[in-house]
PDB file of N, CA and C in Angstrom:
ATOM      1  N   MET A   1      45.325  23.522   2.783  1.00  0.00           N
ATOM      2  CA  MET A   1      44.454  24.547   2.083  1.00  0.00           C
ATOM      3  C   MET A   1      43.140  22.883   1.292  1.00  0.00           C
ATOM      4  N   ILE A   2      43.435  21.819   1.356  1.00  0.00           N
ATOM      5  CA  ILE A   2      41.886  21.011   2.147  1.00  0.00           C
ATOM      6  C   ILE A   2      41.241  21.962   2.703  1.00  0.00           C
ATOM      7  N   ASP A   3      41.770  21.666   4.453  1.00  0.00           N
ATOM      8  CA  ASP A   3      41.107  22.345   5.276  1.00  0.00           C
ATOM      9  C   ASP A   3      40.239  22.436   4.974  1.00  0.00           C
ATOM     10  N   TRP A   4      40.800  24.344   4.450  1.00  0.00           N
ATOM     11  CA  TRP A   4      40.138  25.689   3.764  1.00  0.00           C
ATOM     12  C   TRP A   4      39.057  25.139   3.568  1.00  0.00           C
ATOM     13  N   LEU A   5      38.501  24.566   1.902  1.00  0.00           N
ATOM     14  CA  LEU A   5      37.853  23.367   1.607  1.00  0.00           C
ATOM     15  C   LEU A   5      37.283  23.145   1.934  1.00  0.00           C
ATOM     16  N   VAL A   6      36.977  21.972   2.947  1.00  0.00           N
ATOM     17  CA  VAL A   6      36.127  21.375   3.633  1.00  0.00           C
ATOM     18  C   VAL A   6      35.359  22.290   5.412  1.00  0.00           C
ATOM     19  N   HIS A   7      36.000  23.044   5.757  1.00  0.00           N
ATOM     20  CA  HIS A   7      35.442  24.122   5.887  1.00  0.00           C
ATOM     21  C   HIS A   7      34.272  24.818   6.036  1.00  0.00           C
ATOM     22  N   ASN A   8      34.931  25.586   4.548  1.00  0.00           N
ATOM     23  CA  ASN A   8      34.267  26.564   3.743  1.00  0.00           C
ATOM     24  C   ASN A   8      32.184  25.484   2.820  1.00  0.00           C
ATOM     25  N   ILE A   9      33.114  25.035   3.116  1.00  0.00           N
ATOM     26  CA  ILE A   9      31.499  23.887   2.758  1.00  0.00           C
ATOM     27  C   ILE A   9      30.746  23.544   3.349  1.00  0.00           C
ATOM     28  N   PHE A  10      31.335  23.095   4.897  1.00  0.00           N
ATOM     29  CA  PHE A  10      30.555  22.349   5.897  1.00  0.00           C
ATOM     30  C   PHE A  10      29.812  23.467   6.433  1.00  0.00           C
ATOM     31  N   ARG A  11      29.968  24.302   6.375  1.00  0.00           N
ATOM     32  CA  ARG A  11      29.625  26.029   7.173  1.00  0.00           C
ATOM     33  C   ARG A  11      28.677  26.204   7.027  1.00  0.00           C
ATOM     34  N   PHE A  12      28.762  25.578   5.576  1.00  0.00           N
ATOM     35  CA  PHE A  12      27.007  26.393   4.718  1.00  0.00           C
ATOM     36  C   PHE A  12      25.456  24.865   4.752  1.00  0.00           C
ATOM     37  N   THR A  13      24.919  25.259   6.779  1.00  0.00           N
ATOM     38  CA  THR A  13      24.106  23.995   7.129  1.00  0.00           C
ATOM     39  C   THR A  13      23.083  22.793   5.729  1.00  0.00           C
ATOM     40  N   SER A  14      22.548  23.996   5.219  1.00  0.00           N
ATOM     41  CA  SER A  14      22.386  23.412   3.507  1.00  0.00           C
ATOM     42  C   SER A  14      22.838  22.108   2.803  1.00  0.00           C
ATOM     43  N   LEU A  15      23.972  22.671   2.700  1.00  0.00           N
ATOM     44  CA  LEU A  15      25.076  21.885   1.688  1.00  0.00           C
ATOM     45  C   LEU A  15      25.804  20.714   2.735  1.00  0.00           C
ATOM     46  N   ARG A  16      26.013  21.132   3.448  1.00  0.00           N
ATOM     47  CA  ARG A  16      26.483  20.187   5.037  1.00  0.00           C
ATOM     48  C   ARG A  16      25.330  19.185   5.118  1.00  0.00           C
ATOM     49  N   GLU A  17      23.620  18.955   4.434  1.00  0.00           N
ATOM     50  CA  GLU A  17      22.937  18.327   5.140  1.00  0.00           C
ATOM     51  C   GLU A  17      22.866  17.498   3.727  1.00  0.00           C
ATOM     52  N   ALA A  18      23.188  18.435   2.292  1.00  0.00           N
ATOM     53  CA  ALA A  18      22.702  17.489   1.388  1.00  0.00           C
ATOM     54  C   ALA A  18      23.461  16.377   0.710  1.00  0.00           C
ATOM     55  N   ILE A  19      24.865  17.174   1.834  1.00  0.00           N
ATOM     56  CA  ILE A  19      26.340  15.891   0.890  1.00  0.00           C
ATOM     57  C   ILE A  19      25.994  14.967   2.525  1.00  0.00           C
ATOM     58  N   PHE A  20      25.454  15.077   3.646  1.00  0.00           N
ATOM     59  CA  PHE A  20      25.226  13.528   4.424  1.00  0.00           C
ATOM     60  C   PHE A  20      24.740  13.277   3.492  1.00  0.00           C
ATOM     61  N   GLU A  21      22.783  13.109   3.256  1.00  0.00           N
ATOM     62  CA  GLU A  21      21.817  12.825   2.625  1.00  0.00           C
ATOM     63  C   GLU A  21      22.137  11.941   1.257  1.00  0.00           C
ATOM     64  N   GLU A  22      22.912  12.330   0.997  1.00  0.00           N
ATOM     65  CA  GLU A  22      24.149  12.061  -0.263  1.00  0.00           C
ATOM     66  C   GLU A  22      25.163  10.105  -0.317  1.00  0.00           C
ATOM     67  N   VAL A  23      25.797  10.324   0.746  1.00  0.00           N
ATOM     68  CA  VAL A  23      25.898   9.266   1.911  1.00  0.00           C
ATOM     69  C   VAL A  23      25.277   8.509   2.418  1.00  0.00           C
ATOM     70  N   HIS A  24      24.303   8.622   2.976  1.00  0.00           N
ATOM     71  CA  HIS A  24      23.570   6.904   3.408  1.00  0.00           C
ATOM     72  C   HIS A  24      22.741   7.063   2.195  1.00  0.00           C
ATOM     73  N   PHE A  25      22.578   7.674   1.033  1.00  0.00           N
ATOM     74  CA  PHE A  25      21.518   7.159   0.388  1.00  0.00           C
ATOM     75  C   PHE A  25      22.294   6.367  -0.233  1.00  0.00           C
ATOM     76  N   TYR A  26      24.015   5.850  -0.672  1.00  0.00           N
ATOM     77  CA  TYR A  26      24.787   5.355  -0.944  1.00  0.00           C
ATOM     78  C   TYR A  26      24.593   4.750  -0.630  1.00  0.00           C
ATOM     79  N   ASP A  27      25.587   4.349   0.897  1.00  0.00           N
ATOM     80  CA  ASP A  27      25.271   4.074   1.403  1.00  0.00           C
ATOM     81  C   ASP A  27      23.897   2.468   2.240  1.00  0.00           C
ATOM     82  N   ALA A  28      22.336   3.158   1.631  1.00  0.00           N
ATOM     83  CA  ALA A  28      21.280   2.171   1.547  1.00  0.00           C
ATOM     84  C   ALA A  28      22.217   1.399   0.051  1.00  0.00           C
ATOM     85  N   ILE A  29      22.788   1.714  -0.914  1.00  0.00           N
ATOM     86  CA  ILE A  29      21.982   0.959  -2.449  1.00  0.00           C
ATOM     87  C   ILE A  29      23.181   0.463  -1.577  1.00  0.00           C
ATOM     88  N   ASP A  30      24.155   0.460  -1.136  1.00  0.00           N
ATOM     89  CA  ASP A  30      25.759  -0.945  -0.710  1.00  0.00           C
ATOM     90  C   ASP A  30      24.734  -1.936   0.261  1.00  0.00           C
ATOM     91  N   ALA A  31      23.588  -1.292   1.632  1.00  0.00           N
ATOM     92  CA  ALA A  31      23.257  -1.787   2.083  1.00  0.00           C
ATOM     93  C   ALA A  31      22.675  -3.226   1.079  1.00  0.00           C
ATOM     94  N   ALA A  32      21.335  -2.367   0.043  1.00  0.00           N
ATOM     95  CA  ALA A  32      20.893  -2.736  -0.997  1.00  0.00           C
ATOM     96  C   ALA A  32      21.282  -4.515  -1.453  1.00  0.00           C
ATOM     97  N   ILE A  33      22.433  -3.743  -1.609  1.00  0.00           N
ATOM     98  CA  ILE A  33      22.772  -4.772  -2.791  1.00  0.00           C
ATOM     99  C   ILE A  33      23.669  -5.497  -1.896  1.00  0.00           C
ATOM    100  N   LYS A  34      24.513  -6.002  -1.095  1.00  0.00           N
ATOM    101  CA  LYS A  34      24.571  -6.824   0.149  1.00  0.00           C
ATOM    102  C   LYS A  34      23.720  -8.045   0.498  1.00  0.00           C
ATOM    103  N   GLU A  35      22.002  -7.490   0.174  1.00  0.00           N
ATOM    104  CA  GLU A  35      21.731  -8.652   0.827  1.00  0.00           C
ATOM    105  C   GLU A  35      21.163  -9.475   0.329  1.00  0.00           C
ATOM    106  N   PRO A  36      21.208 -11.223   1.215  1.00  0.00           N
ATOM    107  CA  PRO A  36      21.335 -12.498   0.655  1.00  0.00           C
ATOM    108  C   PRO A  36      20.326 -12.511  -0.841  1.00  0.00           C
ATOM    109  N   SER A  37      18.714 -12.110  -0.531  1.00  0.00           N
ATOM    110  CA  SER A  37      18.483 -12.321  -1.132  1.00  0.00           C
ATOM    111  C   SER A  37      17.565 -10.825  -2.208  1.00  0.00           C
ATOM    112  N   THR A  38      17.488 -11.333  -3.570  1.00  0.00           N
ATOM    113  CA  THR A  38      16.881 -10.919  -5.026  1.00  0.00           C
ATOM    114  C   THR A  38      16.564 -10.820  -5.262  1.00  0.00           C
ATOM    115  N   ASN A  39      15.593 -10.023  -5.658  1.00  0.00           N
ATOM    116  CA  ASN A  39      14.460 -10.524  -6.890  1.00  0.00           C
ATOM    117  C   ASN A  39      14.036  -9.619  -8.077  1.00  0.00           C
ATOM    118  N   LEU A  40      13.787 -10.191  -8.873  1.00  0.00           N
ATOM    119  CA  LEU A  40      13.300  -9.282 -10.241  1.00  0.00           C
ATOM    120  C   LEU A  40      12.202  -9.835 -11.059  1.00  0.00           C
ATOM    121  N   THR A  41      10.374  -8.534 -11.587  1.00  0.00           N
ATOM    122  CA  THR A  41       9.558  -8.627 -11.301  1.00  0.00           C
ATOM    123  C   THR A  41       9.015  -8.671 -12.043  1.00  0.00           C
ATOM    124  N   TRP A  42       8.123  -9.146 -13.277  1.00  0.00           N
ATOM    125  CA  TRP A  42       7.756  -8.151 -14.597  1.00  0.00           C
ATOM    126  C   TRP A  42       6.261  -9.812 -14.710  1.00  0.00           C
ATOM    127  N   CYS A  43       5.541  -7.734 -15.459  1.00  0.00           N
ATOM    128  CA  CYS A  43       3.940  -9.108 -16.486  1.00  0.00           C
ATOM    129  C   CYS A  43       4.630  -8.709 -17.671  1.00  0.00           C
ATOM    130  N   GLU A  44       4.301 -10.101 -18.610  1.00  0.00           N
ATOM    131  CA  GLU A  44       4.354 -10.175 -19.552  1.00  0.00           C
ATOM    132  C   GLU A  44       3.336  -9.842 -20.335  1.00  0.00           C
ATOM    133  N   GLU A  45       3.277  -9.373 -21.481  1.00  0.00           N
ATOM    134  CA  GLU A  45       2.457  -9.529 -22.625  1.00  0.00           C
ATOM    135  C   GLU A  45       0.502  -9.573 -22.229  1.00  0.00           C
ATOM    136  N   ASP A  46       1.139 -11.541 -21.674  1.00  0.00           N
ATOM    137  CA  ASP A  46       0.111 -11.939 -21.305  1.00  0.00           C
ATOM    138  C   ASP A  46      -0.327 -11.622 -20.195  1.00  0.00           C
ATOM    139  N   GLY A  47      -0.009 -10.660 -19.716  1.00  0.00           N
ATOM    140  CA  GLY A  47      -1.024 -10.527 -18.370  1.00  0.00           C
ATOM    141  C   GLY A  47      -0.720 -10.609 -17.077  1.00  0.00           C
ATOM    142  N   LEU A  48       0.605 -12.006 -17.441  1.00  0.00           N
ATOM    143  CA  LEU A  48       0.924 -12.842 -15.850  1.00  0.00           C
ATOM    144  C   LEU A  48       1.948 -12.354 -15.289  1.00  0.00           C
ATOM    145  N   TRP A  49       2.355 -11.918 -14.234  1.00  0.00           N
ATOM    146  CA  TRP A  49       3.444 -11.551 -13.764  1.00  0.00           C
ATOM    147  C   TRP A  49       3.941 -12.740 -12.770  1.00  0.00           C
ATOM    148  N   ARG A  50       5.937 -12.752 -13.625  1.00  0.00           N
ATOM    149  CA  ARG A  50       6.542 -13.678 -13.676  1.00  0.00           C
ATOM    150  C   ARG A  50       7.760 -13.284 -12.667  1.00  0.00           C
ATOM    151  N   GLY A  51       8.923 -14.401 -12.687  1.00  0.00           N
ATOM    152  CA  GLY A  51      10.349 -13.048 -11.895  1.00  0.00           C
ATOM    153  C   GLY A  51      10.664 -14.764 -11.835  1.00  0.00           C
ATOM    154  N   TRP A  52      11.926 -13.793 -10.891  1.00  0.00           N
ATOM    155  CA  TRP A  52      12.842 -15.104 -10.310  1.00  0.00           C
ATOM    156  C   TRP A  52      13.321 -14.492  -9.051  1.00  0.00           C
ATOM    157  N   THR A  53      13.821 -14.878  -8.888  1.00  0.00           N
ATOM    158  CA  THR A  53      14.553 -14.103  -6.709  1.00  0.00           C
ATOM    159  C   THR A  53      16.008 -15.462  -6.871  1.00  0.00           C
ATOM    160  N   LEU A  54      16.967 -14.354  -6.195  1.00  0.00           N
ATOM    161  CA  LEU A  54      18.997 -14.759  -6.678  1.00  0.00           C
ATOM    162  C   LEU A  54      18.589 -15.096  -4.708  1.00  0.00           C
ATOM    163  N   LYS A  55      18.923 -16.614  -5.297  1.00  0.00           N
ATOM    164  CA  LYS A  55      19.390 -16.627  -3.138  1.00  0.00           C
ATOM    165  C   LYS A  55      20.247 -17.793  -3.285  1.00  0.00           C
ATOM    166  N   ASP A  56      21.140 -17.027  -2.101  1.00  0.00           N
ATOM    167  CA  ASP A  56      22.698 -18.460  -1.886  1.00  0.00           C
ATOM    168  C   ASP A  56      23.275 -18.963  -3.111  1.00  0.00           C
ATOM    169  N   ASN A  57      23.177 -17.969  -4.172  1.00  0.00           N
ATOM    170  CA  ASN A  57      23.959 -17.851  -5.776  1.00  0.00           C
ATOM    171  C   ASN A  57      23.153 -18.994  -6.123  1.00  0.00           C
ATOM    172  N   THR A  58      21.207 -19.032  -6.017  1.00  0.00           N
ATOM    173  CA  THR A  58      20.484 -19.982  -6.928  1.00  0.00           C
ATOM    174  C   THR A  58      19.950 -19.620  -7.287  1.00  0.00           C
ATOM    175  N   TYR A  59      19.783 -19.266  -8.667  1.00  0.00           N
ATOM    176  CA  TYR A  59      18.608 -18.422  -9.216  1.00  0.00           C
ATOM    177  C   TYR A  59      17.061 -19.382  -9.355  1.00  0.00           C
ATOM    178  N   LEU A  60      16.174 -19.133  -8.258  1.00  0.00           N
ATOM    179  CA  LEU A  60      14.865 -19.471  -8.331  1.00  0.00           C
ATOM    180  C   LEU A  60      14.017 -18.942  -9.851  1.00  0.00           C
ATOM    181  N   PHE A  61      12.725 -19.441 -10.476  1.00  0.00           N
ATOM    182  CA  PHE A  61      12.501 -18.920 -11.736  1.00  0.00           C
ATOM    183  C   PHE A  61      10.520 -19.515 -11.369  1.00  0.00           C
ATOM    184  N   ASP A  62      10.153 -18.292 -11.086  1.00  0.00           N
ATOM    185  CA  ASP A  62       8.587 -18.282 -10.740  1.00  0.00           C
ATOM    186  C   ASP A  62       7.973 -17.775 -12.368  1.00  0.00           C
ATOM    187  N   ASP A  63       8.090 -19.042 -13.042  1.00  0.00           N
ATOM    188  CA  ASP A  63       7.505 -19.114 -14.419  1.00  0.00           C
ATOM    189  C   ASP A  63       6.464 -19.531 -14.972  1.00  0.00           C
ATOM    190  N   VAL A  64       5.266 -19.800 -13.917  1.00  0.00           N
ATOM    191  CA  VAL A  64       4.346 -20.868 -13.744  1.00  0.00           C
ATOM    192  C   VAL A  64       3.142 -19.247 -14.765  1.00  0.00           C
ATOM    193  N   GLY A  65       3.870 -18.161 -13.501  1.00  0.00           N
ATOM    194  CA  GLY A  65       2.665 -16.941 -14.544  1.00  0.00           C
ATOM    195  C   GLY A  65       1.739 -16.824 -13.070  1.00  0.00           C
ATOM    196  N   TYR A  66       1.206 -15.744 -12.350  1.00  0.00           N
ATOM    197  CA  TYR A  66      -0.019 -15.695 -11.905  1.00  0.00           C
ATOM    198  C   TYR A  66      -0.603 -13.791 -12.044  1.00  0.00           C
ATOM    199  N   THR A  67      -1.670 -13.595 -12.277  1.00  0.00           N
ATOM    200  CA  THR A  67      -3.006 -12.983 -12.046  1.00  0.00           C
ATOM    201  C   THR A  67      -2.494 -11.641 -11.731  1.00  0.00           C
ATOM    202  N   THR A  68      -1.563 -11.761 -10.639  1.00  0.00           N
ATOM    203  CA  THR A  68      -1.357  -9.820 -10.050  1.00  0.00           C
ATOM    204  C   THR A  68       0.181 -10.062  -9.947  1.00  0.00           C
ATOM    205  N   MET A  69       0.443  -8.937  -9.033  1.00  0.00           N
ATOM    206  CA  MET A  69       2.000  -9.635  -8.404  1.00  0.00           C
ATOM    207  C   MET A  69       2.069  -9.812  -6.540  1.00  0.00           C
ATOM    208  N   VAL A  70       0.893  -9.443  -6.454  1.00  0.00           N
ATOM    209  CA  VAL A  70       0.634 -10.101  -5.046  1.00  0.00           C
ATOM    210  C   VAL A  70       0.929 -11.368  -4.774  1.00  0.00           C
ATOM    211  N   GLU A  71      -0.305 -12.580  -5.497  1.00  0.00           N
ATOM    212  CA  GLU A  71      -0.782 -13.894  -5.686  1.00  0.00           C
ATOM    213  C   GLU A  71       1.323 -13.930  -6.000  1.00  0.00           C
ATOM    214  N   LEU A  72       2.135 -13.921  -7.073  1.00  0.00           N
ATOM    215  CA  LEU A  72       3.542 -14.409  -6.887  1.00  0.00           C
ATOM    216  C   LEU A  72       4.056 -14.026  -5.730  1.00  0.00           C
ATOM    217  N   TRP A  73       4.112 -12.816  -4.975  1.00  0.00           N
ATOM    218  CA  TRP A  73       5.461 -12.679  -4.650  1.00  0.00           C
ATOM    219  C   TRP A  73       5.117 -13.280  -2.749  1.00  0.00           C
ATOM    220  N   SER A  74       4.118 -13.568  -2.922  1.00  0.00           N
ATOM    221  CA  SER A  74       3.318 -14.481  -1.748  1.00  0.00           C
ATOM    222  C   SER A  74       3.667 -15.913  -1.711  1.00  0.00           C
ATOM    223  N   ASN A  75       4.366 -16.175  -2.907  1.00  0.00           N
ATOM    224  CA  ASN A  75       4.069 -17.547  -3.120  1.00  0.00           C
ATOM    225  C   ASN A  75       5.076 -17.167  -2.721  1.00  0.00           C
ATOM    226  N   GLY A  76       5.931 -16.462  -3.072  1.00  0.00           N
ATOM    227  CA  GLY A  76       8.091 -16.432  -2.549  1.00  0.00           C
ATOM    228  C   GLY A  76       8.082 -16.605  -1.448  1.00  0.00           C
ATOM    229  N   LEU A  77       7.044 -15.243  -0.378  1.00  0.00           N
ATOM    230  CA  LEU A  77       7.793 -15.413   0.643  1.00  0.00           C
ATOM    231  C   LEU A  77       7.089 -16.949   1.538  1.00  0.00           C
ATOM    232  N   LEU A  78       6.260 -17.907   0.618  1.00  0.00           N
ATOM    233  CA  LEU A  78       5.850 -19.110   1.810  1.00  0.00           C
ATOM    234  C   LEU A  78       6.905 -20.341   1.113  1.00  0.00           C
ATOM    235  N   ARG A  79       7.064 -20.061   0.032  1.00  0.00           N
ATOM    236  CA  ARG A  79       8.594 -20.470  -0.757  1.00  0.00           C
ATOM    237  C   ARG A  79       9.620 -20.921   0.827  1.00  0.00           C
ATOM    238  N   ASP A  80      10.176 -19.575   1.081  1.00  0.00           N
ATOM    239  CA  ASP A  80      10.973 -19.263   1.637  1.00  0.00           C
ATOM    240  C   ASP A  80      10.628 -18.909   2.795  1.00  0.00           C
ATOM    241  N   GLU A  81       9.342 -19.420   3.285  1.00  0.00           N
ATOM    242  CA  GLU A  81       8.681 -20.040   5.013  1.00  0.00           C
ATOM    243  C   GLU A  81       9.511 -21.780   5.354  1.00  0.00           C
ATOM    244  N   ASP A  82       8.793 -22.011   3.753  1.00  0.00           N
ATOM    245  CA  ASP A  82       9.207 -23.689   3.979  1.00  0.00           C
ATOM    246  C   ASP A  82      11.111 -23.605   3.732  1.00  0.00           C
ATOM    247  N   GLU A  83      10.845 -22.997   3.325  1.00  0.00           N
ATOM    248  CA  GLU A  83      12.768 -23.694   3.497  1.00  0.00           C
ATOM    249  C   GLU A  83      13.502 -22.864   4.871  1.00  0.00           C
ATOM    250  N   GLU A  84      13.191 -22.017   5.136  1.00  0.00           N
ATOM    251  CA  GLU A  84      13.581 -22.155   6.629  1.00  0.00           C
ATOM    252  C   GLU A  84      13.048 -23.108   7.842  1.00  0.00           C
ATOM    253  N   MET A  85      11.457 -23.527   7.760  1.00  0.00           N
ATOM    254  CA  MET A  85      11.411 -24.495   8.241  1.00  0.00           C
ATOM    255  C   MET A  85      12.061 -25.893   8.021  1.00  0.00           C
ATOM    256  N   VAL A  86      12.367 -26.072   6.676  1.00  0.00           N
ATOM    257  CA  VAL A  86      13.312 -27.930   6.217  1.00  0.00           C
ATOM    258  C   VAL A  86      14.283 -27.322   7.455  1.00  0.00           C
ATOM    259  N   GLN A  87      15.484 -26.199   7.417  1.00  0.00           N
ATOM    260  CA  GLN A  87      16.218 -26.110   7.826  1.00  0.00           C
ATOM    261  C   GLN A  87      17.042 -26.324   9.369  1.00  0.00           C
TER     262      GLN A  87
END
């Protein structure tokens, strides 16, 4: 019964491709969740961008505030490079 159902579902190319796209989508989500570093960025009412990064089970807060998101992210990238040089 299961073989018959699988055979009939995968017989249609468009349906087969849609199923594989869905599987790859969930694989991408799973890989993103398992990344060693993640962050959250937001703009507050004062117009300054702030954020946090979770790296090696430690939260690093950028609560100073930057005028653009690019400044906030570049500061985080510079901090990450500095940490890699120290190690």
